[in-house]
Amino acid sequence: MNKPQGEKDIILIGAGIMSATLGALLKELSPDWNIKVFEKLEKPGEESSNVWNNAGTGHAALCELNYTKEQPDGSVDISKAISINEKFQVSKQFWSYLVKRNLLQNPREFIMPLPHISYVRGDHNVSFLRKRYEKMSAHPLFSGMEFSENPEVLEKWMPLMMKDRKIQEPIAASKIEDGTDVNFGSLTSQLFNHLEKNNVEMKYNHDVDDITRNEDGTWEVKVRNHQKETLELHEADFVFIGGGGGSLHLLQKSGISEGKGIGGFPVSGQFMVCQDPDVVSKHFGKVYGKAPVGAPPMSVPHLDTRYINNQETLLFGPFAGFSPKFLKTGSLMDLLGSVKPDNLFTMMAAGLKNIPLTKYLIKEVMLSKEQRMEELREFVPSAKTEDWEPLVAGQRVQVIKDTEEGKGTLQFGTEVINAEDGSIAALLGASPGASTAVSIMLEIIEKCFPQYLDTWEPKLKEMIPSYGINLSEQPEMIEEIHKSTEDTLGLKNQKQPQMT
């Protein structure tokens, strides 16, 4: 890492939202650096970032109940929600910066305003949601949140969900207008279009076979060119492994000690999709419920308005499933191939600890369409089978590692793994990943390029005004950022659902 600044060679593996974000940040911070991107598919954003392969929620912890845990004493801990919301504000600031400079075009192609709603049933859950609302609405990041147990109010918020509903137990919802729907596939494509125009080499149909460290500390990346059926060797001072579920295999091939002992557990998902305009027009928002007991956090049921190919669509799910593939386009041998001598016992421990989860996933895989419809009718009592179709969503690989909680602990989040010398980094894990991509890539920049931070700080603050500031303690800045990003990204929410 001793080359002059203008001669640094960077390789980004995977053309998803993470590599796109890191590439865009580095191009602003050091325009002279040479960046190459290798992607095994034919175009960017086609795996984890694809619009059909994720829920598209701008994860800001506005409605996701798994980010606000109920404590043993009955209180609600919102610290994780605050952290995630702050990170989403960082993403919005960077996107706004790019839009203002005309480096990203029409923001409506990748982000739309959409209310975020939390919905619960039963005395205990209603009490929990009320306490959550009281605590969150008092915080400046969540100001404007509303709460109601009144069926007439809930019918205005969620007309499709309230139609034909027989209310036999207490129900409640909280709502906040500041939510968003994000098309991460479109955002990824726009970012890479910008990078290509700025001399970033995009290599599609190129699959990375191996990564090895040279004696001088640089890296040799062996790449298979599928179009020419040839092997190519590329050298880099810094490598970022952003290949979604495929990142674990490449991290293992790098041989860095920081990647030892880490395993992965793949979880697939399915949604039920409705594109009937008469049904779609009666729902406007993302409504999140509570996950069933024993279900992984990614299986929190939600009914989402989505903007896909300029058309409003409804998605319900996800229904969890299991496949040994680490990517939707991966191999059935992915899981087995990830088991190494250094993570064998960790993986075995995880298998023993997660037998209930395995049983849950098997049960979900076996569900028929009509059984999935019955779960959907818990949200939409009037749902007709002929209006909905199943859709296989993306693969997510949950990190398994030894922690203070014990050997083989399953992690439900994103994790950055980097070599001590900062010459290579990998991103593992899942939600809320894409929504917090800018914060995650800033973490990589701080860990891997500390020698440049003093020089880069003014530019970082220009791009992200809250950089280096604890935003949750700055209510005036929060208000400023909300107004600025709302204006730049066109996030004024005006539409209301049609009443039934």
Protein backbone atom coordinates (compact mmCIF):
# COMPACT_ATOMS: atom_id res chain seq x y z
CA MET A 1 0.00 0.00 0.00
CA ASN A 2 2.96 2.37 -0.58
CA LYS A 3 2.11 3.52 -4.11
CA PRO A 4 1.49 7.22 -4.74
CA GLN A 5 -2.17 8.15 -4.42
CA GLY A 6 -2.74 8.49 -8.17
CA GLU A 7 -1.47 4.98 -8.90
CA LYS A 8 -3.63 2.94 -6.54
CA ASP A 9 -5.35 -0.03 -8.17
CA ILE A 10 -8.71 -1.09 -6.74
CA ILE A 11 -10.72 -4.23 -7.54
CA LEU A 12 -14.38 -4.53 -6.57
CA ILE A 13 -15.88 -8.02 -6.80
CA GLY A 14 -19.61 -8.13 -7.50
CA ALA A 15 -21.68 -5.46 -9.25
CA GLY A 16 -24.29 -4.99 -6.53
CA ILE A 17 -25.26 -2.00 -4.41
CA MET A 18 -22.26 -2.42 -2.09
CA SER A 19 -19.55 -2.28 -4.76
CA ALA A 20 -21.48 0.48 -6.54
CA THR A 21 -21.55 2.54 -3.34
CA LEU A 22 -17.89 1.98 -2.49
CA GLY A 23 -16.88 2.77 -6.07
CA ALA A 24 -18.91 6.00 -6.07
CA LEU A 25 -17.42 7.11 -2.75
CA LEU A 26 -13.83 6.37 -3.82
CA LYS A 27 -14.31 8.14 -7.17
CA GLU A 28 -15.35 11.29 -5.30
CA LEU A 29 -12.57 11.01 -2.73
CA SER A 30 -9.72 10.08 -5.07
CA PRO A 31 -10.70 10.45 -8.76
CA ASP A 32 -7.28 9.30 -10.04
CA TRP A 33 -7.45 5.82 -8.55
CA ASN A 34 -7.89 2.95 -11.02
CA ILE A 35 -11.02 0.91 -10.30
CA LYS A 36 -12.07 -2.37 -11.92
CA VAL A 37 -15.33 -4.21 -11.19
CA PHE A 38 -15.80 -7.93 -11.87
CA GLU A 39 -19.32 -9.35 -12.10
CA LYS A 40 -20.17 -12.91 -13.12
CA LEU A 41 -23.62 -11.97 -14.52
CA GLU A 42 -24.37 -9.95 -17.65
CA LYS A 43 -25.33 -6.68 -15.96
CA PRO A 44 -25.28 -4.96 -12.56
CA GLY A 45 -27.70 -5.39 -9.67
CA GLU A 46 -29.08 -8.75 -10.81
CA GLU A 47 -28.49 -10.86 -7.67
CA SER A 48 -29.16 -9.60 -4.14
CA SER A 49 -29.79 -6.02 -5.31
CA ASN A 50 -32.41 -7.01 -7.90
CA VAL A 51 -35.79 -5.37 -7.34
CA TRP A 52 -37.56 -8.75 -7.15
CA ASN A 53 -34.96 -10.29 -4.83
CA ASN A 54 -35.51 -8.04 -1.79
CA ALA A 55 -38.34 -6.21 -0.06
CA GLY A 56 -37.16 -2.78 -1.22
CA THR A 57 -37.81 -1.28 2.19
CA GLY A 58 -35.69 1.75 2.93
CA HIS A 59 -34.79 0.19 6.27
CA ALA A 60 -34.93 3.08 8.74
CA ALA A 61 -36.44 1.09 11.66
CA LEU A 62 -39.71 2.98 11.29
CA CYS A 63 -41.88 -0.13 11.13
CA GLU A 64 -39.63 -3.17 11.64
CA LEU A 65 -40.55 -4.46 15.09
CA ASN A 66 -37.53 -6.79 15.33
CA TYR A 67 -35.29 -3.71 15.71
CA THR A 68 -37.08 -2.64 18.91
CA LYS A 69 -36.83 -5.42 21.47
CA GLU A 70 -39.07 -5.75 24.50
CA GLN A 71 -36.91 -6.12 27.60
CA PRO A 72 -37.62 -8.56 30.49
CA ASP A 73 -38.94 -5.64 32.58
CA GLY A 74 -41.44 -4.76 29.84
CA SER A 75 -39.61 -1.66 28.56
CA VAL A 76 -38.73 -1.26 24.89
CA ASP A 77 -35.11 -0.79 23.77
CA ILE A 78 -34.97 1.48 20.70
CA SER A 79 -31.17 1.85 20.53
CA LYS A 80 -30.85 -0.45 17.49
CA ALA A 81 -33.67 1.43 15.73
CA ILE A 82 -31.85 4.72 16.33
CA SER A 83 -28.60 3.30 14.92
CA ILE A 84 -30.27 1.93 11.78
CA ASN A 85 -32.24 5.12 11.19
CA GLU A 86 -29.07 7.23 11.48
CA LYS A 87 -27.41 5.01 8.88
CA PHE A 88 -30.30 5.37 6.47
CA GLN A 89 -30.07 9.15 6.85
CA VAL A 90 -26.40 8.83 5.79
CA SER A 91 -27.48 6.93 2.66
CA LYS A 92 -30.07 9.58 1.78
CA GLN A 93 -27.49 12.35 2.22
CA PHE A 94 -25.05 10.69 -0.18
CA TRP A 95 -27.76 9.98 -2.75
CA SER A 96 -28.88 13.62 -2.47
CA TYR A 97 -25.31 14.81 -3.03
CA LEU A 98 -25.07 12.71 -6.20
CA VAL A 99 -28.45 13.95 -7.46
CA LYS A 100 -27.52 17.61 -6.81
CA ARG A 101 -24.35 17.15 -8.87
CA ASN A 102 -26.34 15.39 -11.60
CA LEU A 103 -24.30 12.22 -11.11
CA LEU A 104 -27.54 10.36 -10.42
CA GLN A 105 -30.48 11.18 -12.63
CA ASN A 106 -34.21 11.04 -11.84
CA PRO A 107 -34.37 9.92 -8.17
CA ARG A 108 -37.96 8.75 -8.68
CA GLU A 109 -36.48 5.82 -10.59
CA PHE A 110 -34.93 4.44 -7.40
CA ILE A 111 -36.70 5.95 -4.37
CA MET A 112 -40.34 6.72 -3.67
CA PRO A 113 -42.10 8.11 -0.57
CA LEU A 114 -44.25 5.54 1.19
CA PRO A 115 -45.77 5.34 4.69
CA HIS A 116 -44.30 2.72 7.01
CA ILE A 117 -46.78 1.02 9.34
CA SER A 118 -46.39 -1.46 12.20
CA TYR A 119 -49.41 -3.70 12.81
CA VAL A 120 -50.11 -6.03 15.75
CA ARG A 121 -52.91 -8.10 17.27
CA GLY A 122 -53.58 -9.26 20.84
CA ASP A 123 -53.39 -7.55 24.23
CA HIS A 124 -49.68 -8.09 24.83
CA ASN A 125 -48.62 -6.98 21.35
CA VAL A 126 -50.86 -3.90 21.46
CA SER A 127 -49.30 -2.95 24.80
CA PHE A 128 -45.81 -3.45 23.32
CA LEU A 129 -46.59 -1.33 20.25
CA ARG A 130 -48.03 1.45 22.42
CA LYS A 131 -44.87 1.56 24.55
CA ARG A 132 -42.73 1.45 21.41
CA TYR A 133 -44.67 4.36 19.93
CA GLU A 134 -44.41 6.44 23.11
CA LYS A 135 -40.65 6.01 23.23
CA MET A 136 -39.96 6.42 19.51
CA SER A 137 -42.28 9.37 18.83
CA ALA A 138 -40.46 11.33 21.56
CA HIS A 139 -37.17 10.94 19.66
CA PRO A 140 -36.36 13.53 16.95
CA LEU A 141 -35.51 10.81 14.40
CA PHE A 142 -39.04 9.42 14.63
CA SER A 143 -41.11 12.58 15.11
CA GLY A 144 -44.46 12.47 13.35
CA MET A 145 -45.18 8.85 14.24
CA GLU A 146 -48.86 8.17 14.96
CA PHE A 147 -50.55 5.36 16.91
CA SER A 148 -54.11 4.09 16.93
CA GLU A 149 -56.27 1.25 18.23
CA ASN A 150 -59.38 2.71 16.59
CA PRO A 151 -60.65 0.44 13.76
CA GLU A 152 -62.01 3.48 11.88
CA VAL A 153 -58.56 5.11 11.85
CA LEU A 154 -56.91 1.82 10.91
CA GLU A 155 -59.35 1.49 8.00
CA LYS A 156 -58.08 4.82 6.65
CA TRP A 157 -54.47 3.73 7.04
CA MET A 158 -54.90 0.15 5.73
CA PRO A 159 -58.22 -0.16 3.84
CA LEU A 160 -57.32 -3.41 2.07
CA MET A 161 -56.27 -5.04 5.34
CA MET A 162 -59.37 -3.91 7.22
CA LYS A 163 -61.88 -5.00 4.56
CA ASP A 164 -63.94 -8.01 5.75
CA ARG A 165 -61.87 -8.21 8.94
CA LYS A 166 -63.70 -9.71 11.92
CA ILE A 167 -62.18 -8.00 14.92
CA GLN A 168 -62.13 -10.56 17.72
CA GLU A 169 -59.13 -9.25 19.65
CA PRO A 170 -57.45 -5.89 20.23
CA ILE A 171 -55.54 -4.57 17.20
CA ALA A 172 -53.29 -1.54 16.80
CA ALA A 173 -50.95 0.13 14.36
CA SER A 174 -48.36 2.89 14.32
CA LYS A 175 -47.72 4.92 11.18
CA ILE A 176 -45.08 7.34 9.97
CA GLU A 177 -45.13 9.14 6.63
CA ASP A 178 -41.33 9.40 6.28
CA GLY A 179 -40.88 5.87 4.94
CA THR A 180 -39.60 4.93 1.49
CA ASP A 181 -39.64 2.20 -1.12
CA VAL A 182 -36.20 1.78 -2.73
CA ASN A 183 -35.44 0.02 -5.99
CA PHE A 184 -31.86 -1.01 -5.22
CA GLY A 185 -31.48 -2.61 -8.66
CA SER A 186 -32.21 0.70 -10.38
CA LEU A 187 -29.98 2.61 -7.96
CA THR A 188 -27.15 0.14 -8.56
CA SER A 189 -27.47 0.52 -12.34
CA GLN A 190 -27.45 4.31 -12.10
CA LEU A 191 -24.35 4.29 -9.89
CA PHE A 192 -22.46 2.00 -12.27
CA ASN A 193 -23.52 4.07 -15.28
CA HIS A 194 -21.99 7.08 -13.51
CA LEU A 195 -18.81 5.12 -12.70
CA GLU A 196 -18.40 3.84 -16.27
CA LYS A 197 -18.53 7.42 -17.53
CA ASN A 198 -15.70 8.18 -15.10
CA ASN A 199 -13.24 5.55 -16.35
CA VAL A 200 -14.20 2.68 -14.05
CA GLU A 201 -13.70 -0.61 -15.92
CA MET A 202 -16.82 -2.78 -15.76
CA LYS A 203 -16.12 -6.46 -16.51
CA TYR A 204 -19.36 -8.43 -16.84
CA ASN A 205 -19.43 -12.20 -17.42
CA HIS A 206 -16.22 -12.35 -15.36
CA ASP A 207 -16.15 -14.80 -12.44
CA VAL A 208 -13.44 -14.52 -9.77
CA ASP A 209 -11.85 -17.94 -9.22
CA ASP A 210 -9.15 -17.12 -6.68
CA ILE A 211 -7.51 -14.35 -4.64
CA THR A 212 -3.91 -14.67 -3.47
CA ARG A 213 -1.58 -12.29 -1.69
CA ASN A 214 1.68 -11.31 -3.37
CA GLU A 215 4.95 -10.99 -1.47
CA ASP A 216 4.75 -7.19 -1.60
CA GLY A 217 1.31 -7.19 0.08
CA THR A 218 -0.68 -6.55 -3.09
CA TRP A 219 -3.25 -9.04 -4.39
CA GLU A 220 -3.48 -11.23 -7.47
CA VAL A 221 -7.04 -11.90 -8.57
CA LYS A 222 -7.64 -14.82 -10.94
CA VAL A 223 -10.68 -14.14 -13.12
CA ARG A 224 -12.51 -16.39 -15.55
CA ASN A 225 -13.74 -14.54 -18.65
CA HIS A 226 -16.90 -16.46 -19.62
CA GLN A 227 -17.19 -14.81 -23.05
CA LYS A 228 -13.69 -15.81 -24.15
CA GLU A 229 -13.42 -18.89 -21.89
CA THR A 230 -10.01 -17.66 -20.71
CA LEU A 231 -8.32 -17.02 -17.38
CA GLU A 232 -7.03 -13.54 -16.60
CA LEU A 233 -4.74 -12.33 -13.81
CA HIS A 234 -5.27 -8.87 -12.32
CA GLU A 235 -3.32 -7.14 -9.56
CA ALA A 236 -4.65 -4.71 -6.99
CA ASP A 237 -3.53 -2.76 -3.95
CA PHE A 238 -7.01 -3.14 -2.45
CA VAL A 239 -9.75 -5.72 -3.02
CA PHE A 240 -13.36 -5.46 -1.89
CA ILE A 241 -15.38 -8.68 -1.88
CA GLY A 242 -19.00 -7.61 -2.35
CA GLY A 243 -20.43 -10.75 -3.91
CA GLY A 244 -23.49 -11.21 -1.67
CA GLY A 245 -23.72 -14.81 -0.48
CA GLY A 246 -20.71 -15.66 -2.64
CA SER A 247 -18.44 -13.43 -0.55
CA LEU A 248 -17.76 -16.14 2.04
CA HIS A 249 -16.10 -18.48 -0.46
CA LEU A 250 -13.85 -15.70 -1.77
CA LEU A 251 -12.97 -14.56 1.74
CA GLN A 252 -11.90 -18.11 2.53
CA LYS A 253 -9.77 -18.25 -0.64
CA SER A 254 -7.96 -15.06 0.38
CA GLY A 255 -6.54 -16.93 3.38
CA ILE A 256 -6.57 -13.92 5.74
CA SER A 257 -6.66 -14.89 9.40
CA GLU A 258 -9.63 -12.60 10.09
CA GLY A 259 -11.78 -14.83 7.87
CA LYS A 260 -10.98 -18.04 9.75
CA GLY A 261 -13.68 -19.81 11.74
CA ILE A 262 -16.57 -18.06 10.00
CA GLY A 263 -19.38 -20.06 8.41
CA GLY A 264 -22.57 -19.26 6.57
CA PHE A 265 -26.14 -20.51 6.61
CA PRO A 266 -28.25 -19.82 3.49
CA VAL A 267 -31.89 -18.82 3.84
CA SER A 268 -34.06 -18.35 0.78
CA GLY A 269 -37.33 -16.50 0.53
CA GLN A 270 -40.56 -16.32 -1.41
CA PHE A 271 -43.17 -13.61 -1.76
CA MET A 272 -46.77 -13.68 -2.91
CA VAL A 273 -47.24 -11.03 -5.61
CA CYS A 274 -50.37 -9.20 -6.76
CA GLN A 275 -50.45 -6.93 -9.82
CA ASP A 276 -54.23 -6.54 -10.15
CA PRO A 277 -54.77 -2.74 -10.23
CA ASP A 278 -58.12 -3.03 -8.39
CA VAL A 279 -56.42 -4.73 -5.44
CA VAL A 280 -53.14 -2.80 -5.56
CA SER A 281 -54.88 0.59 -5.51
CA LYS A 282 -56.47 -0.18 -2.14
CA HIS A 283 -53.18 -0.42 -0.26
CA PHE A 284 -50.47 2.21 0.06
CA GLY A 285 -47.57 1.55 2.40
CA LYS A 286 -45.30 -1.04 3.91
CA VAL A 287 -47.04 -2.80 6.80
CA TYR A 288 -44.83 -4.92 9.05
CA GLY A 289 -46.14 -7.38 11.62
CA LYS A 290 -44.39 -9.61 14.17
CA ALA A 291 -42.46 -12.72 13.17
CA PRO A 292 -43.88 -16.08 14.30
CA VAL A 293 -42.18 -17.68 17.30
CA GLY A 294 -39.07 -19.54 16.11
CA ALA A 295 -38.87 -17.71 12.77
CA PRO A 296 -35.70 -15.86 11.72
CA PRO A 297 -35.94 -12.04 11.79
CA MET A 298 -35.89 -11.93 7.99
CA SER A 299 -39.26 -13.71 8.06
CA VAL A 300 -41.14 -10.80 9.62
CA PRO A 301 -44.42 -10.78 7.63
CA HIS A 302 -45.11 -7.60 5.70
CA LEU A 303 -47.45 -6.32 3.00
CA ASP A 304 -45.65 -3.90 0.71
CA THR A 305 -46.51 -1.47 -2.00
CA ARG A 306 -43.65 -1.72 -4.50
CA TYR A 307 -42.79 0.38 -7.55
CA ILE A 308 -41.46 -2.10 -10.11
CA ASN A 309 -41.04 -1.31 -13.81
CA ASN A 310 -43.14 1.84 -13.37
CA GLN A 311 -46.02 -0.22 -12.02
CA GLU A 312 -47.41 -0.43 -8.50
CA THR A 313 -47.31 -3.97 -7.17
CA LEU A 314 -48.14 -5.67 -3.87
CA LEU A 315 -45.78 -8.14 -2.24
CA PHE A 316 -46.56 -10.23 0.83
CA GLY A 317 -44.06 -12.35 2.71
CA PRO A 318 -41.39 -13.38 2.95
CA PHE A 319 -41.93 -17.10 3.35
CA ALA A 320 -38.61 -18.54 4.43
CA GLY A 321 -37.11 -21.49 2.65
CA PHE A 322 -33.92 -23.45 2.37
CA SER A 323 -31.53 -24.07 -0.48
CA PRO A 324 -27.84 -24.99 -0.14
CA LYS A 325 -27.06 -22.31 -2.75
CA PHE A 326 -25.34 -19.15 -1.49
CA LEU A 327 -26.64 -17.15 -4.46
CA LYS A 328 -29.83 -17.46 -6.48
CA THR A 329 -27.50 -18.14 -9.43
CA GLY A 330 -25.19 -20.25 -7.26
CA SER A 331 -24.38 -23.96 -6.97
CA LEU A 332 -26.07 -26.70 -4.93
CA MET A 333 -22.57 -27.41 -3.55
CA ASP A 334 -22.15 -23.91 -2.06
CA LEU A 335 -22.98 -24.83 1.54
CA LEU A 336 -20.90 -28.01 1.58
CA GLY A 337 -18.01 -26.21 -0.14
CA SER A 338 -17.98 -23.54 2.59
CA VAL A 339 -17.22 -26.07 5.35
CA LYS A 340 -13.48 -25.94 6.10
CA PRO A 341 -11.32 -27.42 8.89
CA ASP A 342 -11.23 -24.03 10.67
CA ASN A 343 -15.04 -23.61 10.76
CA LEU A 344 -16.17 -27.25 10.95
CA PHE A 345 -16.91 -27.28 14.69
CA THR A 346 -18.51 -23.83 14.51
CA MET A 347 -20.84 -25.08 11.77
CA MET A 348 -21.65 -28.27 13.68
CA ALA A 349 -22.45 -26.27 16.82
CA ALA A 350 -24.71 -24.00 14.79
CA GLY A 351 -26.54 -27.02 13.38
CA LEU A 352 -27.24 -28.38 16.86
CA LYS A 353 -28.30 -24.98 18.24
CA ASN A 354 -30.63 -24.21 15.35
CA ILE A 355 -32.66 -27.41 15.04
CA PRO A 356 -35.93 -25.45 15.67
CA LEU A 357 -34.96 -23.02 12.88
CA THR A 358 -34.22 -25.93 10.53
CA LYS A 359 -37.62 -27.47 11.28
CA TYR A 360 -39.25 -24.10 10.66
CA LEU A 361 -37.52 -23.71 7.30
CA ILE A 362 -38.50 -27.23 6.22
CA LYS A 363 -42.12 -26.49 7.17
CA GLU A 364 -42.02 -23.26 5.15
CA VAL A 365 -40.57 -25.03 2.10
CA MET A 366 -43.44 -27.54 2.18
CA LEU A 367 -46.21 -24.92 2.22
CA SER A 368 -48.63 -25.09 -0.70
CA LYS A 369 -49.87 -21.95 -2.45
CA GLU A 370 -53.18 -22.19 -0.60
CA GLN A 371 -51.40 -22.51 2.76
CA ARG A 372 -49.44 -19.36 1.91
CA MET A 373 -52.72 -17.69 1.01
CA GLU A 374 -54.08 -18.55 4.46
CA GLU A 375 -51.14 -16.71 6.02
CA LEU A 376 -51.73 -13.81 3.65
CA ARG A 377 -55.38 -13.68 4.75
CA GLU A 378 -54.20 -12.97 8.30
CA PHE A 379 -53.15 -9.63 6.75
CA VAL A 380 -55.70 -9.34 3.93
CA PRO A 381 -58.90 -11.25 4.86
CA SER A 382 -60.45 -10.59 1.43
CA ALA A 383 -57.46 -11.94 -0.57
CA LYS A 384 -58.45 -14.15 -3.52
CA THR A 385 -56.13 -16.96 -4.56
CA GLU A 386 -56.42 -16.08 -8.26
CA ASP A 387 -55.08 -12.54 -7.63
CA TRP A 388 -51.75 -13.67 -6.16
CA GLU A 389 -48.79 -15.61 -7.53
CA PRO A 390 -45.66 -16.96 -5.78
CA LEU A 391 -42.28 -15.41 -6.51
CA VAL A 392 -38.89 -16.84 -5.53
CA ALA A 393 -36.88 -14.01 -3.97
CA GLY A 394 -33.15 -13.76 -3.27
CA GLN A 395 -30.78 -15.92 -1.25
CA ARG A 396 -29.27 -14.54 1.95
CA VAL A 397 -26.35 -16.11 3.83
CA GLN A 398 -26.43 -15.52 7.56
CA VAL A 399 -23.03 -15.34 9.26
CA ILE A 400 -22.15 -18.11 11.74
CA LYS A 401 -19.33 -17.54 14.18
CA ASP A 402 -18.22 -18.08 17.77
CA THR A 403 -19.26 -15.22 20.05
CA GLU A 404 -19.73 -14.49 23.74
CA GLU A 405 -23.14 -16.13 23.34
CA GLY A 406 -21.44 -19.41 22.48
CA LYS A 407 -20.00 -21.47 19.66
CA GLY A 408 -21.76 -21.46 16.31
CA THR A 409 -23.96 -18.42 16.88
CA LEU A 410 -26.14 -17.33 13.96
CA GLN A 411 -25.82 -13.60 13.22
CA PHE A 412 -28.74 -11.65 11.73
CA GLY A 413 -27.10 -8.57 10.27
CA THR A 414 -24.22 -7.36 8.13
CA GLU A 415 -20.56 -7.73 9.04
CA VAL A 416 -17.37 -6.27 7.62
CA ILE A 417 -14.30 -8.53 7.67
CA ASN A 418 -10.98 -6.91 6.74
CA ALA A 419 -7.29 -7.77 6.87
CA GLU A 420 -5.26 -5.97 9.53
CA ASP A 421 -3.29 -4.09 6.88
CA GLY A 422 -6.50 -2.85 5.21
CA SER A 423 -5.60 -4.34 1.82
CA ILE A 424 -8.75 -6.48 1.52
CA ALA A 425 -12.27 -6.38 2.95
CA ALA A 426 -15.40 -8.47 2.57
CA LEU A 427 -19.02 -7.87 3.43
CA LEU A 428 -21.04 -10.77 4.83
CA GLY A 429 -24.60 -11.08 6.08
CA ALA A 430 -28.00 -9.70 5.18
CA SER A 431 -30.60 -7.12 6.30
CA PRO A 432 -30.57 -4.15 6.66
CA GLY A 433 -27.55 -4.21 4.29
CA ALA A 434 -28.56 -2.30 1.17
CA SER A 435 -30.33 0.51 3.05
CA THR A 436 -27.24 1.18 5.13
CA ALA A 437 -24.75 0.63 2.29
CA VAL A 438 -23.18 4.09 2.56
CA SER A 439 -22.45 3.72 6.29
CA ILE A 440 -21.03 0.24 5.75
CA MET A 441 -18.75 1.44 2.96
CA LEU A 442 -17.64 4.39 5.09
CA GLU A 443 -16.68 1.85 7.76
CA ILE A 444 -14.56 0.03 5.18
CA ILE A 445 -12.93 3.30 4.08
CA GLU A 446 -12.09 4.18 7.70
CA LYS A 447 -10.66 0.72 8.41
CA CYS A 448 -8.77 0.24 5.16
CA PHE A 449 -7.61 3.77 4.25
CA PRO A 450 -6.95 5.48 7.60
CA GLN A 451 -3.90 7.28 6.18
CA TYR A 452 -6.15 9.32 3.84
CA LEU A 453 -8.91 10.31 6.27
CA ASP A 454 -7.48 13.70 7.21
CA THR A 455 -7.21 14.61 3.52
CA TRP A 456 -10.64 13.21 2.71
CA GLU A 457 -12.56 14.63 5.67
CA PRO A 458 -13.67 17.92 4.01
CA LYS A 459 -15.01 16.01 1.00
CA LEU A 460 -16.72 13.46 3.24
CA LYS A 461 -18.50 16.26 5.09
CA GLU A 462 -19.48 17.87 1.80
CA MET A 463 -21.07 14.62 0.63
CA ILE A 464 -22.53 13.66 4.02
CA PRO A 465 -23.06 16.70 6.28
CA SER A 466 -23.62 14.50 9.35
CA TYR A 467 -20.34 12.61 8.84
CA GLY A 468 -18.55 12.21 12.19
CA ILE A 469 -21.55 13.56 14.13
CA ASN A 470 -23.87 11.64 16.45
CA LEU A 471 -26.99 12.60 14.54
CA SER A 472 -29.46 11.39 17.18
CA GLU A 473 -28.20 14.13 19.51
CA GLN A 474 -28.64 16.90 16.92
CA PRO A 475 -32.41 17.55 16.47
CA GLU A 476 -31.83 20.70 14.39
CA MET A 477 -29.53 18.87 12.00
CA ILE A 478 -32.05 16.00 11.75
CA GLU A 479 -34.72 18.48 10.69
CA GLU A 480 -32.32 20.08 8.20
CA ILE A 481 -31.37 16.73 6.68
CA HIS A 482 -34.99 15.55 6.48
CA LYS A 483 -35.99 18.72 4.62
CA SER A 484 -32.95 18.77 2.32
CA THR A 485 -33.12 15.09 1.30
CA GLU A 486 -36.90 15.25 0.95
CA ASP A 487 -36.59 18.14 -1.49
CA THR A 488 -33.67 16.73 -3.48
CA LEU A 489 -35.00 13.15 -3.70
CA GLY A 490 -38.62 14.19 -4.25
CA LEU A 491 -39.94 12.51 -1.12
CA LYS A 492 -43.14 14.45 -0.59
CA ASN A 493 -45.83 11.87 0.01
CA GLN A 494 -49.15 12.89 -1.50
CA LYS A 495 -50.94 9.74 -2.54
CA GLN A 496 -53.64 8.06 -0.43
CA PRO A 497 -55.06 4.56 -0.97
CA GLN A 498 -58.55 4.17 -2.33
CA MET A 499 -61.11 3.41 0.32
CA THR A 500 -63.15 0.23 -0.01
